[in-house]
Amino acid sequence: MAKSKMKSHRGAAKRFRLTGTGKLKRNKAYKSHILNKKSAKRKRGLRQATTMSSADLTRIKRALGK
């Protein structure tokens, strides 16, 4: 009998991407509403993706099935 494959956590798969060097890329939060009080510079900074903290790396990689 064939062993079933590990399933990746679909919520995590939609939020995180693994880079070529093995780091995790994620988008920034706080960009969806209440944008009036945020400066243009702050909103511009929220557009760029950033890398995950190394403390969360193993946990998220496991959720992604990597």
N, C-alpha and C. Protein backbone atom coordinates (compact mmCIF):
# COMPACT_ATOMS: atom_id res chain seq x y z
N MET A 1 0.84 -1.19 0.00
CA MET A 1 0.00 0.00 0.00
C MET A 1 0.88 1.25 0.00
N ALA A 2 0.55 2.17 -0.86
CA ALA A 2 1.35 3.40 -0.99
C ALA A 2 1.07 4.35 0.16
N LYS A 3 2.14 4.98 0.64
CA LYS A 3 2.00 5.95 1.73
C LYS A 3 1.46 7.26 1.16
N SER A 4 0.54 7.88 1.86
CA SER A 4 -0.04 9.12 1.36
C SER A 4 0.96 10.27 1.48
N LYS A 5 0.81 11.24 0.60
CA LYS A 5 1.71 12.39 0.58
C LYS A 5 1.36 13.35 1.71
N MET A 6 2.38 14.09 2.15
CA MET A 6 2.15 15.15 3.12
C MET A 6 1.42 16.29 2.43
N LYS A 7 0.45 16.86 3.09
CA LYS A 7 -0.25 18.01 2.52
C LYS A 7 0.33 19.28 3.13
N SER A 8 0.50 20.28 2.26
CA SER A 8 0.96 21.57 2.77
C SER A 8 -0.23 22.33 3.33
N HIS A 9 0.03 23.20 4.29
CA HIS A 9 -1.02 24.03 4.88
C HIS A 9 -1.39 25.08 3.83
N ARG A 10 -2.59 25.02 3.29
CA ARG A 10 -2.95 25.86 2.15
C ARG A 10 -2.97 27.35 2.51
N GLY A 11 -3.34 27.68 3.74
CA GLY A 11 -3.31 29.08 4.16
C GLY A 11 -1.91 29.63 4.16
N ALA A 12 -0.95 28.82 4.63
CA ALA A 12 0.46 29.23 4.65
C ALA A 12 1.01 29.31 3.23
N ALA A 13 0.60 28.38 2.38
CA ALA A 13 1.09 28.34 1.00
C ALA A 13 0.70 29.59 0.23
N LYS A 14 -0.43 30.18 0.58
CA LYS A 14 -0.90 31.39 -0.10
C LYS A 14 -0.21 32.64 0.43
N ARG A 15 0.39 32.56 1.61
CA ARG A 15 0.97 33.74 2.26
C ARG A 15 2.49 33.82 2.15
N PHE A 16 3.16 32.68 2.02
CA PHE A 16 4.62 32.65 2.06
C PHE A 16 5.19 31.99 0.81
N ARG A 17 6.35 32.47 0.37
CA ARG A 17 7.08 31.88 -0.74
C ARG A 17 8.51 31.63 -0.30
N LEU A 18 9.06 30.52 -0.74
CA LEU A 18 10.44 30.18 -0.43
C LEU A 18 11.34 30.77 -1.51
N THR A 19 12.38 31.50 -1.12
CA THR A 19 13.31 32.09 -2.09
C THR A 19 14.34 31.04 -2.50
N GLY A 20 15.14 31.36 -3.47
CA GLY A 20 16.16 30.43 -3.96
C GLY A 20 17.20 30.10 -2.93
N THR A 21 17.48 31.04 -2.01
CA THR A 21 18.50 30.79 -0.98
C THR A 21 17.91 30.12 0.26
N GLY A 22 16.61 29.82 0.25
CA GLY A 22 15.98 29.12 1.37
C GLY A 22 15.33 30.03 2.39
N LYS A 23 15.30 31.34 2.12
CA LYS A 23 14.61 32.26 3.03
C LYS A 23 13.13 32.27 2.70
N LEU A 24 12.34 32.77 3.64
CA LEU A 24 10.90 32.86 3.40
C LEU A 24 10.52 34.31 3.14
N LYS A 25 9.75 34.52 2.08
CA LYS A 25 9.28 35.85 1.71
C LYS A 25 7.82 35.98 2.15
N ARG A 26 7.48 37.13 2.72
CA ARG A 26 6.10 37.37 3.12
C ARG A 26 5.71 38.80 2.79
N ASN A 27 4.40 39.05 2.67
CA ASN A 27 3.91 40.40 2.45
C ASN A 27 3.67 41.07 3.78
N LYS A 28 3.58 42.39 3.77
CA LYS A 28 3.36 43.14 5.00
C LYS A 28 1.88 43.36 5.25
N ALA A 29 1.53 43.51 6.51
CA ALA A 29 0.14 43.72 6.91
C ALA A 29 -0.18 45.21 7.00
N TYR A 30 -1.38 45.55 7.42
CA TYR A 30 -1.83 46.94 7.66
C TYR A 30 -1.93 47.77 6.38
N LYS A 31 -2.30 47.15 5.28
CA LYS A 31 -2.38 47.88 4.01
C LYS A 31 -3.80 47.84 3.44
N SER A 32 -4.78 47.34 4.19
CA SER A 32 -6.10 47.13 3.60
C SER A 32 -7.11 48.22 3.91
N HIS A 33 -7.07 48.81 5.10
CA HIS A 33 -8.05 49.85 5.44
C HIS A 33 -7.45 50.83 6.44
N ILE A 34 -8.19 51.90 6.74
CA ILE A 34 -7.73 53.02 7.56
C ILE A 34 -6.42 53.56 7.00
N LEU A 35 -6.45 53.94 5.72
CA LEU A 35 -5.24 54.40 5.05
C LEU A 35 -5.08 55.91 5.13
N ASN A 36 -6.11 56.64 5.58
CA ASN A 36 -6.04 58.10 5.63
C ASN A 36 -4.93 58.61 6.54
N LYS A 37 -4.81 58.01 7.70
CA LYS A 37 -3.83 58.50 8.68
C LYS A 37 -2.41 58.03 8.41
N LYS A 38 -2.25 57.09 7.49
CA LYS A 38 -0.91 56.60 7.18
C LYS A 38 -0.29 57.48 6.09
N SER A 39 0.98 57.80 6.28
CA SER A 39 1.67 58.66 5.32
C SER A 39 1.94 57.89 4.03
N ALA A 40 2.16 58.65 2.96
CA ALA A 40 2.45 58.04 1.65
C ALA A 40 3.72 57.21 1.73
N LYS A 41 4.70 57.70 2.49
CA LYS A 41 5.97 56.98 2.64
C LYS A 41 5.74 55.63 3.33
N ARG A 42 4.89 55.64 4.35
CA ARG A 42 4.60 54.40 5.09
C ARG A 42 3.86 53.40 4.21
N LYS A 43 2.88 53.87 3.44
CA LYS A 43 2.12 52.99 2.55
C LYS A 43 3.00 52.43 1.44
N ARG A 44 3.94 53.24 0.95
CA ARG A 44 4.86 52.80 -0.08
C ARG A 44 5.76 51.69 0.45
N GLY A 45 6.16 51.82 1.70
CA GLY A 45 6.99 50.79 2.32
C GLY A 45 6.25 49.48 2.54
N LEU A 46 4.94 49.58 2.71
CA LEU A 46 4.14 48.38 2.94
C LEU A 46 3.93 47.56 1.66
N ARG A 47 4.23 48.17 0.51
CA ARG A 47 4.07 47.45 -0.76
C ARG A 47 5.12 46.37 -0.94
N GLN A 48 6.33 46.62 -0.46
CA GLN A 48 7.43 45.68 -0.65
C GLN A 48 7.28 44.47 0.25
N ALA A 49 7.65 43.33 -0.27
CA ALA A 49 7.68 42.11 0.53
C ALA A 49 8.93 42.12 1.39
N THR A 50 8.94 41.31 2.43
CA THR A 50 10.08 41.23 3.33
C THR A 50 10.34 39.77 3.67
N THR A 51 11.46 39.49 4.32
CA THR A 51 11.78 38.11 4.67
C THR A 51 11.32 37.82 6.10
N MET A 52 11.03 36.57 6.35
CA MET A 52 10.56 36.14 7.66
C MET A 52 11.71 36.11 8.65
N SER A 53 11.35 36.19 9.92
CA SER A 53 12.32 36.06 10.99
C SER A 53 12.82 34.61 11.04
N SER A 54 14.07 34.43 11.43
CA SER A 54 14.63 33.08 11.50
C SER A 54 13.97 32.25 12.60
N ALA A 55 13.35 32.93 13.59
CA ALA A 55 12.68 32.22 14.67
C ALA A 55 11.45 31.46 14.16
N ASP A 56 10.79 31.99 13.12
CA ASP A 56 9.59 31.36 12.57
C ASP A 56 9.89 30.44 11.40
N LEU A 57 11.12 30.43 10.95
CA LEU A 57 11.47 29.74 9.71
C LEU A 57 11.11 28.26 9.71
N THR A 58 11.53 27.52 10.73
CA THR A 58 11.29 26.07 10.74
C THR A 58 9.80 25.74 10.83
N ARG A 59 9.07 26.53 11.60
CA ARG A 59 7.64 26.28 11.78
C ARG A 59 6.87 26.48 10.46
N ILE A 60 7.18 27.55 9.76
CA ILE A 60 6.49 27.85 8.50
C ILE A 60 6.92 26.89 7.40
N LYS A 61 8.21 26.53 7.37
CA LYS A 61 8.68 25.57 6.37
C LYS A 61 7.99 24.22 6.53
N ARG A 62 7.74 23.82 7.77
CA ARG A 62 7.05 22.57 8.02
C ARG A 62 5.60 22.65 7.53
N ALA A 63 4.98 23.81 7.72
CA ALA A 63 3.61 24.00 7.24
C ALA A 63 3.54 23.97 5.72
N LEU A 64 4.62 24.43 5.08
CA LEU A 64 4.66 24.41 3.61
C LEU A 64 5.06 23.05 3.06
N GLY A 65 5.46 22.15 3.93
CA GLY A 65 5.85 20.81 3.50
C GLY A 65 7.24 20.77 2.92
N LYS A 66 8.13 21.66 3.35
CA LYS A 66 9.51 21.72 2.84
C LYS A 66 10.47 21.14 3.85
